[in-house]
Amino acid sequence: GLYYEEQKPESRRRAKDFLANRTPKYLNYFEGLLPRRGYLLGRGACYADLSLFQMMEGMRYAFPRAMRGLEKEFPRLVALHGRVAERPGIARYLASDRRLPFNEQGIFRHYPELDRK
């Protein structure tokens, strides 16, 4: 129930564990579900693909250094992210003013000191 500023040492410890253990486990699960090409449920994108896209976007925002290293292990997720971003309607939305940028109030927050090198 404490704010980040009130628990920085514990936040660093937890982020280190999250990036070393939980994130690879979670990403590995979805990597294993993805076919070599395409989307989770076939040829067209579904809500689950959009959710994975947003999860990858959020993790890249929150932990850019860590994700640069981790993404090498998950080429299917990276490819899915790219395919979703390139869909015409999604691409227009991503380039529009309607898309809200990540910030320090949302579910994905970037604290540089928590992002491993």
PDB file of N, CA and C in Angstrom:
ATOM      1  N   GLY A   1       0.788  -1.200   0.000  1.00  0.00           N
ATOM      2  CA  GLY A   1       0.000   0.000   0.000  1.00  0.00           C
ATOM      3  C   GLY A   1       0.833   1.269   0.000  1.00  0.00           C
ATOM      4  N   LEU A   2       2.145   1.123   0.021  1.00  0.00           N
ATOM      5  CA  LEU A   2       3.003   2.304   0.033  1.00  0.00           C
ATOM      6  C   LEU A   2       3.241   2.806  -1.380  1.00  0.00           C
ATOM      7  N   TYR A   3       3.536   4.084  -1.495  1.00  0.00           N
ATOM      8  CA  TYR A   3       3.926   4.658  -2.773  1.00  0.00           C
ATOM      9  C   TYR A   3       5.355   4.231  -3.098  1.00  0.00           C
ATOM     10  N   TYR A   4       5.682   4.285  -4.375  1.00  0.00           N
ATOM     11  CA  TYR A   4       7.023   3.901  -4.825  1.00  0.00           C
ATOM     12  C   TYR A   4       8.099   4.622  -4.028  1.00  0.00           C
ATOM     13  N   GLU A   5       7.946   5.923  -3.865  1.00  0.00           N
ATOM     14  CA  GLU A   5       8.949   6.725  -3.171  1.00  0.00           C
ATOM     15  C   GLU A   5       9.163   6.263  -1.731  1.00  0.00           C
ATOM     16  N   GLU A   6       8.186   5.600  -1.147  1.00  0.00           N
ATOM     17  CA  GLU A   6       8.273   5.124   0.233  1.00  0.00           C
ATOM     18  C   GLU A   6       8.869   3.718   0.343  1.00  0.00           C
ATOM     19  N   GLN A   7       9.152   3.087  -0.788  1.00  0.00           N
ATOM     20  CA  GLN A   7       9.662   1.717  -0.745  1.00  0.00           C
ATOM     21  C   GLN A   7      10.675   1.426  -1.852  1.00  0.00           C
ATOM     22  N   LYS A   8      11.536   2.385  -2.110  1.00  0.00           N
ATOM     23  CA  LYS A   8      12.503   2.229  -3.199  1.00  0.00           C
ATOM     24  C   LYS A   8      13.414   1.009  -3.057  1.00  0.00           C
ATOM     25  N   PRO A   9      13.980   0.723  -1.892  1.00  0.00           N
ATOM     26  CA  PRO A   9      14.839  -0.477  -1.799  1.00  0.00           C
ATOM     27  C   PRO A   9      14.078  -1.767  -2.138  1.00  0.00           C
ATOM     28  N   GLU A  10      12.884  -1.894  -1.633  1.00  0.00           N
ATOM     29  CA  GLU A  10      12.091  -3.090  -1.921  1.00  0.00           C
ATOM     30  C   GLU A  10      11.683  -3.123  -3.403  1.00  0.00           C
ATOM     31  N   SER A  11      11.408  -1.976  -3.965  1.00  0.00           N
ATOM     32  CA  SER A  11      11.052  -1.910  -5.382  1.00  0.00           C
ATOM     33  C   SER A  11      12.202  -2.388  -6.259  1.00  0.00           C
ATOM     34  N   ARG A  12      13.418  -1.992  -5.912  1.00  0.00           N
ATOM     35  CA  ARG A  12      14.577  -2.445  -6.680  1.00  0.00           C
ATOM     36  C   ARG A  12      14.733  -3.964  -6.588  1.00  0.00           C
ATOM     37  N   ARG A  13      14.577  -4.500  -5.393  1.00  0.00           N
ATOM     38  CA  ARG A  13      14.690  -5.945  -5.206  1.00  0.00           C
ATOM     39  C   ARG A  13      13.616  -6.676  -5.997  1.00  0.00           C
ATOM     40  N   ARG A  14      12.403  -6.188  -5.932  1.00  0.00           N
ATOM     41  CA  ARG A  14      11.284  -6.843  -6.619  1.00  0.00           C
ATOM     42  C   ARG A  14      11.418  -6.729  -8.139  1.00  0.00           C
ATOM     43  N   ALA A  15      11.839  -5.573  -8.633  1.00  0.00           N
ATOM     44  CA  ALA A  15      12.012  -5.404 -10.073  1.00  0.00           C
ATOM     45  C   ALA A  15      13.092  -6.343 -10.596  1.00  0.00           C
ATOM     46  N   LYS A  16      14.167  -6.500  -9.848  1.00  0.00           N
ATOM     47  CA  LYS A  16      15.239  -7.408 -10.258  1.00  0.00           C
ATOM     48  C   LYS A  16      14.703  -8.828 -10.393  1.00  0.00           C
ATOM     49  N   ASP A  17      13.930  -9.280  -9.424  1.00  0.00           N
ATOM     50  CA  ASP A  17      13.340 -10.617  -9.471  1.00  0.00           C
ATOM     51  C   ASP A  17      12.317 -10.722 -10.609  1.00  0.00           C
ATOM     52  N   PHE A  18      11.514  -9.709 -10.768  1.00  0.00           N
ATOM     53  CA  PHE A  18      10.498  -9.682 -11.820  1.00  0.00           C
ATOM     54  C   PHE A  18      11.141  -9.835 -13.192  1.00  0.00           C
ATOM     55  N   LEU A  19      12.207  -9.102 -13.434  1.00  0.00           N
ATOM     56  CA  LEU A  19      12.876  -9.147 -14.734  1.00  0.00           C
ATOM     57  C   LEU A  19      13.667 -10.439 -14.935  1.00  0.00           C
ATOM     58  N   ALA A  20      14.219 -10.985 -13.874  1.00  0.00           N
ATOM     59  CA  ALA A  20      15.034 -12.194 -13.999  1.00  0.00           C
ATOM     60  C   ALA A  20      14.192 -13.466 -14.063  1.00  0.00           C
ATOM     61  N   ASN A  21      13.037 -13.471 -13.409  1.00  0.00           N
ATOM     62  CA  ASN A  21      12.266 -14.705 -13.286  1.00  0.00           C
ATOM     63  C   ASN A  21      10.872 -14.643 -13.889  1.00  0.00           C
ATOM     64  N   ARG A  22      10.078 -13.707 -13.431  1.00  0.00           N
ATOM     65  CA  ARG A  22       8.677 -13.670 -13.862  1.00  0.00           C
ATOM     66  C   ARG A  22       8.524 -13.274 -15.329  1.00  0.00           C
ATOM     67  N   THR A  23       9.223 -12.246 -15.759  1.00  0.00           N
ATOM     68  CA  THR A  23       9.072 -11.774 -17.138  1.00  0.00           C
ATOM     69  C   THR A  23       9.453 -12.853 -18.148  1.00  0.00           C
ATOM     70  N   PRO A  24      10.624 -13.497 -18.027  1.00  0.00           N
ATOM     71  CA  PRO A  24      10.945 -14.548 -18.995  1.00  0.00           C
ATOM     72  C   PRO A  24       9.940 -15.704 -18.968  1.00  0.00           C
ATOM     73  N   LYS A  25       9.468 -16.054 -17.789  1.00  0.00           N
ATOM     74  CA  LYS A  25       8.495 -17.149 -17.688  1.00  0.00           C
ATOM     75  C   LYS A  25       7.207 -16.783 -18.420  1.00  0.00           C
ATOM     76  N   TYR A  26       6.727 -15.585 -18.199  1.00  0.00           N
ATOM     77  CA  TYR A  26       5.497 -15.098 -18.816  1.00  0.00           C
ATOM     78  C   TYR A  26       5.657 -14.978 -20.327  1.00  0.00           C
ATOM     79  N   LEU A  27       6.745 -14.365 -20.771  1.00  0.00           N
ATOM     80  CA  LEU A  27       6.989 -14.212 -22.201  1.00  0.00           C
ATOM     81  C   LEU A  27       7.169 -15.573 -22.875  1.00  0.00           C
ATOM     82  N   ASN A  28       7.838 -16.491 -22.215  1.00  0.00           N
ATOM     83  CA  ASN A  28       8.050 -17.830 -22.761  1.00  0.00           C
ATOM     84  C   ASN A  28       6.727 -18.561 -22.980  1.00  0.00           C
ATOM     85  N   TYR A  29       5.797 -18.380 -22.065  1.00  0.00           N
ATOM     86  CA  TYR A  29       4.488 -19.009 -22.214  1.00  0.00           C
ATOM     87  C   TYR A  29       3.827 -18.550 -23.511  1.00  0.00           C
ATOM     88  N   PHE A  30       3.776 -17.256 -23.743  1.00  0.00           N
ATOM     89  CA  PHE A  30       3.125 -16.738 -24.942  1.00  0.00           C
ATOM     90  C   PHE A  30       3.940 -17.025 -26.200  1.00  0.00           C
ATOM     91  N   GLU A  31       5.248 -17.003 -26.091  1.00  0.00           N
ATOM     92  CA  GLU A  31       6.096 -17.365 -27.228  1.00  0.00           C
ATOM     93  C   GLU A  31       5.754 -18.779 -27.695  1.00  0.00           C
ATOM     94  N   GLY A  32       5.530 -19.668 -26.748  1.00  0.00           N
ATOM     95  CA  GLY A  32       5.203 -21.046 -27.078  1.00  0.00           C
ATOM     96  C   GLY A  32       3.836 -21.220 -27.715  1.00  0.00           C
ATOM     97  N   LEU A  33       2.927 -20.317 -27.457  1.00  0.00           N
ATOM     98  CA  LEU A  33       1.591 -20.390 -28.046  1.00  0.00           C
ATOM     99  C   LEU A  33       1.545 -19.897 -29.480  1.00  0.00           C
ATOM    100  N   LEU A  34       2.460 -19.025 -29.825  1.00  0.00           N
ATOM    101  CA  LEU A  34       2.426 -18.389 -31.146  1.00  0.00           C
ATOM    102  C   LEU A  34       2.924 -19.331 -32.235  1.00  0.00           C
ATOM    103  N   PRO A  35       2.208 -19.366 -33.350  1.00  0.00           N
ATOM    104  CA  PRO A  35       2.735 -20.111 -34.499  1.00  0.00           C
ATOM    105  C   PRO A  35       3.931 -19.349 -35.068  1.00  0.00           C
ATOM    106  N   ARG A  36       4.668 -19.993 -35.948  1.00  0.00           N
ATOM    107  CA  ARG A  36       5.845 -19.329 -36.526  1.00  0.00           C
ATOM    108  C   ARG A  36       5.481 -18.055 -37.259  1.00  0.00           C
ATOM    109  N   ARG A  37       4.354 -18.072 -37.902  1.00  0.00           N
ATOM    110  CA  ARG A  37       3.871 -16.881 -38.605  1.00  0.00           C
ATOM    111  C   ARG A  37       2.400 -16.723 -38.276  1.00  0.00           C
ATOM    112  N   GLY A  38       1.938 -15.523 -38.308  1.00  0.00           N
ATOM    113  CA  GLY A  38       0.529 -15.293 -38.075  1.00  0.00           C
ATOM    114  C   GLY A  38       0.221 -14.832 -36.669  1.00  0.00           C
ATOM    115  N   TYR A  39      -0.985 -15.126 -36.266  1.00  0.00           N
ATOM    116  CA  TYR A  39      -1.515 -14.638 -34.996  1.00  0.00           C
ATOM    117  C   TYR A  39      -1.879 -15.812 -34.102  1.00  0.00           C
ATOM    118  N   LEU A  40      -2.251 -15.530 -32.894  1.00  0.00           N
ATOM    119  CA  LEU A  40      -2.553 -16.588 -31.936  1.00  0.00           C
ATOM    120  C   LEU A  40      -3.611 -17.566 -32.438  1.00  0.00           C
ATOM    121  N   LEU A  41      -4.674 -17.041 -33.020  1.00  0.00           N
ATOM    122  CA  LEU A  41      -5.786 -17.907 -33.401  1.00  0.00           C
ATOM    123  C   LEU A  41      -5.924 -18.090 -34.910  1.00  0.00           C
ATOM    124  N   GLY A  42      -4.885 -17.784 -35.651  1.00  0.00           N
ATOM    125  CA  GLY A  42      -4.965 -17.992 -37.086  1.00  0.00           C
ATOM    126  C   GLY A  42      -4.437 -16.830 -37.881  1.00  0.00           C
ATOM    127  N   ARG A  43      -5.131 -16.546 -38.996  1.00  0.00           N
ATOM    128  CA  ARG A  43      -4.629 -15.565 -39.949  1.00  0.00           C
ATOM    129  C   ARG A  43      -4.902 -14.122 -39.551  1.00  0.00           C
ATOM    130  N   GLY A  44      -5.953 -13.859 -38.809  1.00  0.00           N
ATOM    131  CA  GLY A  44      -6.294 -12.492 -38.445  1.00  0.00           C
ATOM    132  C   GLY A  44      -6.029 -12.208 -36.978  1.00  0.00           C
ATOM    133  N   ALA A  45      -5.793 -10.962 -36.678  1.00  0.00           N
ATOM    134  CA  ALA A  45      -5.541 -10.560 -35.297  1.00  0.00           C
ATOM    135  C   ALA A  45      -6.817 -10.672 -34.471  1.00  0.00           C
ATOM    136  N   CYS A  46      -6.658 -11.101 -33.233  1.00  0.00           N
ATOM    137  CA  CYS A  46      -7.776 -11.172 -32.299  1.00  0.00           C
ATOM    138  C   CYS A  46      -7.438 -10.314 -31.075  1.00  0.00           C
ATOM    139  N   TYR A  47      -8.371 -10.227 -30.154  1.00  0.00           N
ATOM    140  CA  TYR A  47      -8.131  -9.411 -28.962  1.00  0.00           C
ATOM    141  C   TYR A  47      -6.906  -9.875 -28.182  1.00  0.00           C
ATOM    142  N   ALA A  48      -6.638 -11.165 -28.181  1.00  0.00           N
ATOM    143  CA  ALA A  48      -5.456 -11.666 -27.471  1.00  0.00           C
ATOM    144  C   ALA A  48      -4.174 -11.136 -28.111  1.00  0.00           C
ATOM    145  N   ASP A  49      -4.138 -11.056 -29.442  1.00  0.00           N
ATOM    146  CA  ASP A  49      -2.971 -10.488 -30.129  1.00  0.00           C
ATOM    147  C   ASP A  49      -2.800  -9.018 -29.775  1.00  0.00           C
ATOM    148  N   LEU A  50      -3.902  -8.299 -29.734  1.00  0.00           N
ATOM    149  CA  LEU A  50      -3.842  -6.880 -29.359  1.00  0.00           C
ATOM    150  C   LEU A  50      -3.353  -6.727 -27.922  1.00  0.00           C
ATOM    151  N   SER A  51      -3.780  -7.626 -27.057  1.00  0.00           N
ATOM    152  CA  SER A  51      -3.320  -7.590 -25.658  1.00  0.00           C
ATOM    153  C   SER A  51      -1.825  -7.855 -25.569  1.00  0.00           C
ATOM    154  N   LEU A  52      -1.339  -8.828 -26.345  1.00  0.00           N
ATOM    155  CA  LEU A  52       0.103  -9.104 -26.349  1.00  0.00           C
ATOM    156  C   LEU A  52       0.881  -7.917 -26.906  1.00  0.00           C
ATOM    157  N   PHE A  53       0.340  -7.277 -27.927  1.00  0.00           N
ATOM    158  CA  PHE A  53       0.975  -6.073 -28.465  1.00  0.00           C
ATOM    159  C   PHE A  53       1.108  -5.021 -27.364  1.00  0.00           C
ATOM    160  N   GLN A  54       0.031  -4.770 -26.651  1.00  0.00           N
ATOM    161  CA  GLN A  54       0.039  -3.745 -25.603  1.00  0.00           C
ATOM    162  C   GLN A  54       0.976  -4.136 -24.464  1.00  0.00           C
ATOM    163  N   MET A  55       1.023  -5.417 -24.137  1.00  0.00           N
ATOM    164  CA  MET A  55       1.927  -5.878 -23.090  1.00  0.00           C
ATOM    165  C   MET A  55       3.380  -5.626 -23.502  1.00  0.00           C
ATOM    166  N   MET A  56       3.702  -5.927 -24.761  1.00  0.00           N
ATOM    167  CA  MET A  56       5.071  -5.682 -25.236  1.00  0.00           C
ATOM    168  C   MET A  56       5.379  -4.181 -25.253  1.00  0.00           C
ATOM    169  N   GLU A  57       4.438  -3.369 -25.697  1.00  0.00           N
ATOM    170  CA  GLU A  57       4.630  -1.913 -25.695  1.00  0.00           C
ATOM    171  C   GLU A  57       4.885  -1.417 -24.274  1.00  0.00           C
ATOM    172  N   GLY A  58       4.071  -1.884 -23.342  1.00  0.00           N
ATOM    173  CA  GLY A  58       4.199  -1.446 -21.957  1.00  0.00           C
ATOM    174  C   GLY A  58       5.510  -1.872 -21.322  1.00  0.00           C
ATOM    175  N   MET A  59       5.918  -3.104 -21.593  1.00  0.00           N
ATOM    176  CA  MET A  59       7.186  -3.582 -21.038  1.00  0.00           C
ATOM    177  C   MET A  59       8.368  -2.828 -21.653  1.00  0.00           C
ATOM    178  N   ARG A  60       8.261  -2.496 -22.931  1.00  0.00           N
ATOM    179  CA  ARG A  60       9.319  -1.700 -23.562  1.00  0.00           C
ATOM    180  C   ARG A  60       9.397  -0.311 -22.949  1.00  0.00           C
ATOM    181  N   TYR A  61       8.265   0.224 -22.577  1.00  0.00           N
ATOM    182  CA  TYR A  61       8.250   1.540 -21.940  1.00  0.00           C
ATOM    183  C   TYR A  61       8.801   1.446 -20.513  1.00  0.00           C
ATOM    184  N   ALA A  62       8.331   0.477 -19.761  1.00  0.00           N
ATOM    185  CA  ALA A  62       8.712   0.370 -18.354  1.00  0.00           C
ATOM    186  C   ALA A  62      10.155  -0.086 -18.171  1.00  0.00           C
ATOM    187  N   PHE A  63      10.597  -1.014 -19.004  1.00  0.00           N
ATOM    188  CA  PHE A  63      11.926  -1.607 -18.853  1.00  0.00           C
ATOM    189  C   PHE A  63      12.645  -1.675 -20.204  1.00  0.00           C
ATOM    190  N   PRO A  64      12.971  -0.537 -20.807  1.00  0.00           N
ATOM    191  CA  PRO A  64      13.557  -0.561 -22.154  1.00  0.00           C
ATOM    192  C   PRO A  64      14.880  -1.319 -22.241  1.00  0.00           C
ATOM    193  N   ARG A  65      15.759  -1.140 -21.283  1.00  0.00           N
ATOM    194  CA  ARG A  65      17.052  -1.835 -21.333  1.00  0.00           C
ATOM    195  C   ARG A  65      16.866  -3.333 -21.166  1.00  0.00           C
ATOM    196  N   ALA A  66      16.092  -3.724 -20.197  1.00  0.00           N
ATOM    197  CA  ALA A  66      15.857  -5.152 -19.960  1.00  0.00           C
ATOM    198  C   ALA A  66      15.184  -5.806 -21.154  1.00  0.00           C
ATOM    199  N   MET A  67      14.210  -5.129 -21.742  1.00  0.00           N
ATOM    200  CA  MET A  67      13.490  -5.717 -22.872  1.00  0.00           C
ATOM    201  C   MET A  67      14.391  -5.855 -24.100  1.00  0.00           C
ATOM    202  N   ARG A  68      15.308  -4.932 -24.304  1.00  0.00           N
ATOM    203  CA  ARG A  68      16.233  -5.078 -25.436  1.00  0.00           C
ATOM    204  C   ARG A  68      16.998  -6.400 -25.328  1.00  0.00           C
ATOM    205  N   GLY A  69      17.371  -6.765 -24.128  1.00  0.00           N
ATOM    206  CA  GLY A  69      18.064  -8.041 -23.929  1.00  0.00           C
ATOM    207  C   GLY A  69      17.127  -9.227 -23.997  1.00  0.00           C
ATOM    208  N   LEU A  70      15.967  -9.115 -23.368  1.00  0.00           N
ATOM    209  CA  LEU A  70      15.023 -10.238 -23.331  1.00  0.00           C
ATOM    210  C   LEU A  70      14.397 -10.551 -24.681  1.00  0.00           C
ATOM    211  N   GLU A  71      14.165  -9.547 -25.480  1.00  0.00           N
ATOM    212  CA  GLU A  71      13.457  -9.769 -26.743  1.00  0.00           C
ATOM    213  C   GLU A  71      14.204 -10.706 -27.682  1.00  0.00           C
ATOM    214  N   LYS A  72      15.502 -10.807 -27.545  1.00  0.00           N
ATOM    215  CA  LYS A  72      16.271 -11.720 -28.386  1.00  0.00           C
ATOM    216  C   LYS A  72      15.824 -13.169 -28.190  1.00  0.00           C
ATOM    217  N   GLU A  73      15.288 -13.460 -27.015  1.00  0.00           N
ATOM    218  CA  GLU A  73      14.846 -14.812 -26.693  1.00  0.00           C
ATOM    219  C   GLU A  73      13.414 -15.096 -27.151  1.00  0.00           C
ATOM    220  N   PHE A  74      12.703 -14.069 -27.619  1.00  0.00           N
ATOM    221  CA  PHE A  74      11.286 -14.216 -27.939  1.00  0.00           C
ATOM    222  C   PHE A  74      10.951 -13.632 -29.310  1.00  0.00           C
ATOM    223  N   PRO A  75      11.540 -14.201 -30.373  1.00  0.00           N
ATOM    224  CA  PRO A  75      11.348 -13.624 -31.707  1.00  0.00           C
ATOM    225  C   PRO A  75       9.904 -13.661 -32.194  1.00  0.00           C
ATOM    226  N   ARG A  76       9.133 -14.633 -31.775  1.00  0.00           N
ATOM    227  CA  ARG A  76       7.744 -14.699 -32.231  1.00  0.00           C
ATOM    228  C   ARG A  76       6.911 -13.571 -31.635  1.00  0.00           C
ATOM    229  N   LEU A  77       7.148 -13.257 -30.373  1.00  0.00           N
ATOM    230  CA  LEU A  77       6.430 -12.135 -29.750  1.00  0.00           C
ATOM    231  C   LEU A  77       6.819 -10.810 -30.391  1.00  0.00           C
ATOM    232  N   VAL A  78       8.099 -10.658 -30.680  1.00  0.00           N
ATOM    233  CA  VAL A  78       8.563  -9.429 -31.328  1.00  0.00           C
ATOM    234  C   VAL A  78       7.930  -9.315 -32.717  1.00  0.00           C
ATOM    235  N   ALA A  79       7.886 -10.425 -33.440  1.00  0.00           N
ATOM    236  CA  ALA A  79       7.281 -10.414 -34.774  1.00  0.00           C
ATOM    237  C   ALA A  79       5.788 -10.116 -34.690  1.00  0.00           C
ATOM    238  N   LEU A  80       5.109 -10.703 -33.711  1.00  0.00           N
ATOM    239  CA  LEU A  80       3.678 -10.424 -33.542  1.00  0.00           C
ATOM    240  C   LEU A  80       3.463  -8.942 -33.268  1.00  0.00           C
ATOM    241  N   HIS A  81       4.283  -8.373 -32.395  1.00  0.00           N
ATOM    242  CA  HIS A  81       4.188  -6.953 -32.089  1.00  0.00           C
ATOM    243  C   HIS A  81       4.293  -6.132 -33.376  1.00  0.00           C
ATOM    244  N   GLY A  82       5.242  -6.475 -34.214  1.00  0.00           N
ATOM    245  CA  GLY A  82       5.413  -5.762 -35.475  1.00  0.00           C
ATOM    246  C   GLY A  82       4.231  -5.927 -36.412  1.00  0.00           C
ATOM    247  N   ARG A  83       3.710  -7.145 -36.504  1.00  0.00           N
ATOM    248  CA  ARG A  83       2.557  -7.386 -37.378  1.00  0.00           C
ATOM    249  C   ARG A  83       1.342  -6.598 -36.926  1.00  0.00           C
ATOM    250  N   VAL A  84       1.100  -6.572 -35.625  1.00  0.00           N
ATOM    251  CA  VAL A  84      -0.050  -5.823 -35.113  1.00  0.00           C
ATOM    252  C   VAL A  84       0.141  -4.331 -35.387  1.00  0.00           C
ATOM    253  N   ALA A  85       1.326  -3.817 -35.121  1.00  0.00           N
ATOM    254  CA  ALA A  85       1.592  -2.383 -35.330  1.00  0.00           C
ATOM    255  C   ALA A  85       1.439  -1.971 -36.784  1.00  0.00           C
ATOM    256  N   GLU A  86       1.676  -2.884 -37.705  1.00  0.00           N
ATOM    257  CA  GLU A  86       1.600  -2.573 -39.133  1.00  0.00           C
ATOM    258  C   GLU A  86       0.184  -2.685 -39.703  1.00  0.00           C
ATOM    259  N   ARG A  87      -0.743  -3.243 -38.959  1.00  0.00           N
ATOM    260  CA  ARG A  87      -2.113  -3.332 -39.467  1.00  0.00           C
ATOM    261  C   ARG A  87      -2.610  -1.907 -39.723  1.00  0.00           C
ATOM    262  N   PRO A  88      -3.233  -1.658 -40.870  1.00  0.00           N
ATOM    263  CA  PRO A  88      -3.579  -0.282 -41.250  1.00  0.00           C
ATOM    264  C   PRO A  88      -4.353   0.501 -40.186  1.00  0.00           C
ATOM    265  N   GLY A  89      -5.376  -0.079 -39.620  1.00  0.00           N
ATOM    266  CA  GLY A  89      -6.158   0.630 -38.603  1.00  0.00           C
ATOM    267  C   GLY A  89      -5.360   0.889 -37.336  1.00  0.00           C
ATOM    268  N   ILE A  90      -4.570  -0.087 -36.935  1.00  0.00           N
ATOM    269  CA  ILE A  90      -3.732   0.068 -35.740  1.00  0.00           C
ATOM    270  C   ILE A  90      -2.661   1.122 -36.003  1.00  0.00           C
ATOM    271  N   ALA A  91      -2.027   1.060 -37.166  1.00  0.00           N
ATOM    272  CA  ALA A  91      -0.979   2.032 -37.500  1.00  0.00           C
ATOM    273  C   ALA A  91      -1.536   3.455 -37.488  1.00  0.00           C
ATOM    274  N   ARG A  92      -2.739   3.631 -38.032  1.00  0.00           N
ATOM    275  CA  ARG A  92      -3.341   4.978 -38.012  1.00  0.00           C
ATOM    276  C   ARG A  92      -3.593   5.425 -36.576  1.00  0.00           C
ATOM    277  N   TYR A  93      -4.107   4.521 -35.751  1.00  0.00           N
ATOM    278  CA  TYR A  93      -4.365   4.866 -34.354  1.00  0.00           C
ATOM    279  C   TYR A  93      -3.061   5.214 -33.621  1.00  0.00           C
ATOM    280  N   LEU A  94      -2.033   4.401 -33.811  1.00  0.00           N
ATOM    281  CA  LEU A  94      -0.755   4.643 -33.130  1.00  0.00           C
ATOM    282  C   LEU A  94      -0.149   5.987 -33.511  1.00  0.00           C
ATOM    283  N   ALA A  95      -0.400   6.436 -34.723  1.00  0.00           N
ATOM    284  CA  ALA A  95       0.139   7.716 -35.197  1.00  0.00           C
ATOM    285  C   ALA A  95      -0.773   8.897 -34.869  1.00  0.00           C
ATOM    286  N   SER A  96      -1.937   8.617 -34.300  1.00  0.00           N
ATOM    287  CA  SER A  96      -2.920   9.672 -34.079  1.00  0.00           C
ATOM    288  C   SER A  96      -2.771  10.335 -32.708  1.00  0.00           C
ATOM    289  N   ASP A  97      -3.468  11.440 -32.552  1.00  0.00           N
ATOM    290  CA  ASP A  97      -3.520  12.139 -31.263  1.00  0.00           C
ATOM    291  C   ASP A  97      -4.438  11.426 -30.277  1.00  0.00           C
ATOM    292  N   ARG A  98      -5.224  10.479 -30.764  1.00  0.00           N
ATOM    293  CA  ARG A  98      -6.139   9.751 -29.882  1.00  0.00           C
ATOM    294  C   ARG A  98      -5.399   8.809 -28.939  1.00  0.00           C
ATOM    295  N   ARG A  99      -4.247   8.354 -29.363  1.00  0.00           N
ATOM    296  CA  ARG A  99      -3.496   7.416 -28.539  1.00  0.00           C
ATOM    297  C   ARG A  99      -2.878   8.151 -27.355  1.00  0.00           C
ATOM    298  N   LEU A 100      -3.194   7.687 -26.179  1.00  0.00           N
ATOM    299  CA  LEU A 100      -2.633   8.285 -24.974  1.00  0.00           C
ATOM    300  C   LEU A 100      -1.220   7.747 -24.749  1.00  0.00           C
ATOM    301  N   PRO A 101      -0.276   8.603 -24.475  1.00  0.00           N
ATOM    302  CA  PRO A 101       1.081   8.113 -24.229  1.00  0.00           C
ATOM    303  C   PRO A 101       1.166   7.429 -22.867  1.00  0.00           C
ATOM    304  N   PHE A 102       2.144   6.560 -22.738  1.00  0.00           N
ATOM    305  CA  PHE A 102       2.409   5.989 -21.420  1.00  0.00           C
ATOM    306  C   PHE A 102       2.804   7.128 -20.500  1.00  0.00           C
ATOM    307  N   ASN A 103       2.574   6.939 -19.205  1.00  0.00           N
ATOM    308  CA  ASN A 103       2.898   7.974 -18.230  1.00  0.00           C
ATOM    309  C   ASN A 103       3.173   7.317 -16.888  1.00  0.00           C
ATOM    310  N   GLU A 104       3.432   8.097 -15.911  1.00  0.00           N
ATOM    311  CA  GLU A 104       3.766   7.557 -14.588  1.00  0.00           C
ATOM    312  C   GLU A 104       2.548   7.334 -13.697  1.00  0.00           C
ATOM    313  N   GLN A 105       1.371   7.366 -14.287  1.00  0.00           N
ATOM    314  CA  GLN A 105       0.144   7.121 -13.526  1.00  0.00           C
ATOM    315  C   GLN A 105      -0.526   5.808 -13.938  1.00  0.00           C
ATOM    316  N   GLY A 106      -0.124   5.244 -15.068  1.00  0.00           N
ATOM    317  CA  GLY A 106      -0.774   4.054 -15.599  1.00  0.00           C
ATOM    318  C   GLY A 106      -0.179   2.772 -15.058  1.00  0.00           C
ATOM    319  N   ILE A 107      -0.612   1.665 -15.634  1.00  0.00           N
ATOM    320  CA  ILE A 107      -0.143   0.358 -15.189  1.00  0.00           C
ATOM    321  C   ILE A 107       1.332   0.145 -15.516  1.00  0.00           C
ATOM    322  N   PHE A 108       1.780   0.675 -16.645  1.00  0.00           N
ATOM    323  CA  PHE A 108       3.194   0.582 -17.024  1.00  0.00           C
ATOM    324  C   PHE A 108       3.860   1.909 -16.691  1.00  0.00           C
ATOM    325  N   ARG A 109       4.822   1.860 -15.782  1.00  0.00           N
ATOM    326  CA  ARG A 109       5.543   3.060 -15.358  1.00  0.00           C
ATOM    327  C   ARG A 109       7.030   2.832 -15.560  1.00  0.00           C
ATOM    328  N   HIS A 110       7.733   3.879 -15.927  1.00  0.00           N
ATOM    329  CA  HIS A 110       9.168   3.754 -16.136  1.00  0.00           C
ATOM    330  C   HIS A 110       9.923   4.445 -15.013  1.00  0.00           C
ATOM    331  N   TYR A 111      10.651   3.648 -14.255  1.00  0.00           N
ATOM    332  CA  TYR A 111      11.560   4.154 -13.244  1.00  0.00           C
ATOM    333  C   TYR A 111      12.949   3.666 -13.662  1.00  0.00           C
ATOM    334  N   PRO A 112      13.769   4.549 -14.222  1.00  0.00           N
ATOM    335  CA  PRO A 112      15.072   4.112 -14.765  1.00  0.00           C
ATOM    336  C   PRO A 112      15.891   3.282 -13.803  1.00  0.00           C
ATOM    337  N   GLU A 113      15.825   3.572 -12.536  1.00  0.00           N
ATOM    338  CA  GLU A 113      16.655   2.836 -11.560  1.00  0.00           C
ATOM    339  C   GLU A 113      16.193   1.392 -11.371  1.00  0.00           C
ATOM    340  N   LEU A 114      15.003   1.046 -11.879  1.00  0.00           N
ATOM    341  CA  LEU A 114      14.521  -0.334 -11.761  1.00  0.00           C
ATOM    342  C   LEU A 114      14.801  -1.154 -13.006  1.00  0.00           C
ATOM    343  N   ASP A 115      15.261  -0.508 -14.060  1.00  0.00           N
ATOM    344  CA  ASP A 115      15.513  -1.173 -15.326  1.00  0.00           C
ATOM    345  C   ASP A 115      16.945  -1.659 -15.360  1.00  0.00           C
ATOM    346  N   ARG A 116      17.126  -2.979 -15.321  1.00  0.00           N
ATOM    347  CA  ARG A 116      18.494  -3.517 -15.301  1.00  0.00           C
ATOM    348  C   ARG A 116      19.206  -3.207 -16.601  1.00  0.00           C
ATOM    349  N   LYS A 117      20.500  -3.195 -16.534  1.00  0.00           N
ATOM    350  CA  LYS A 117      21.302  -2.902 -17.721  1.00  0.00           C
ATOM    351  C   LYS A 117      21.581  -4.152 -18.509  1.00  0.00           C
TER     352      LYS A 117
END
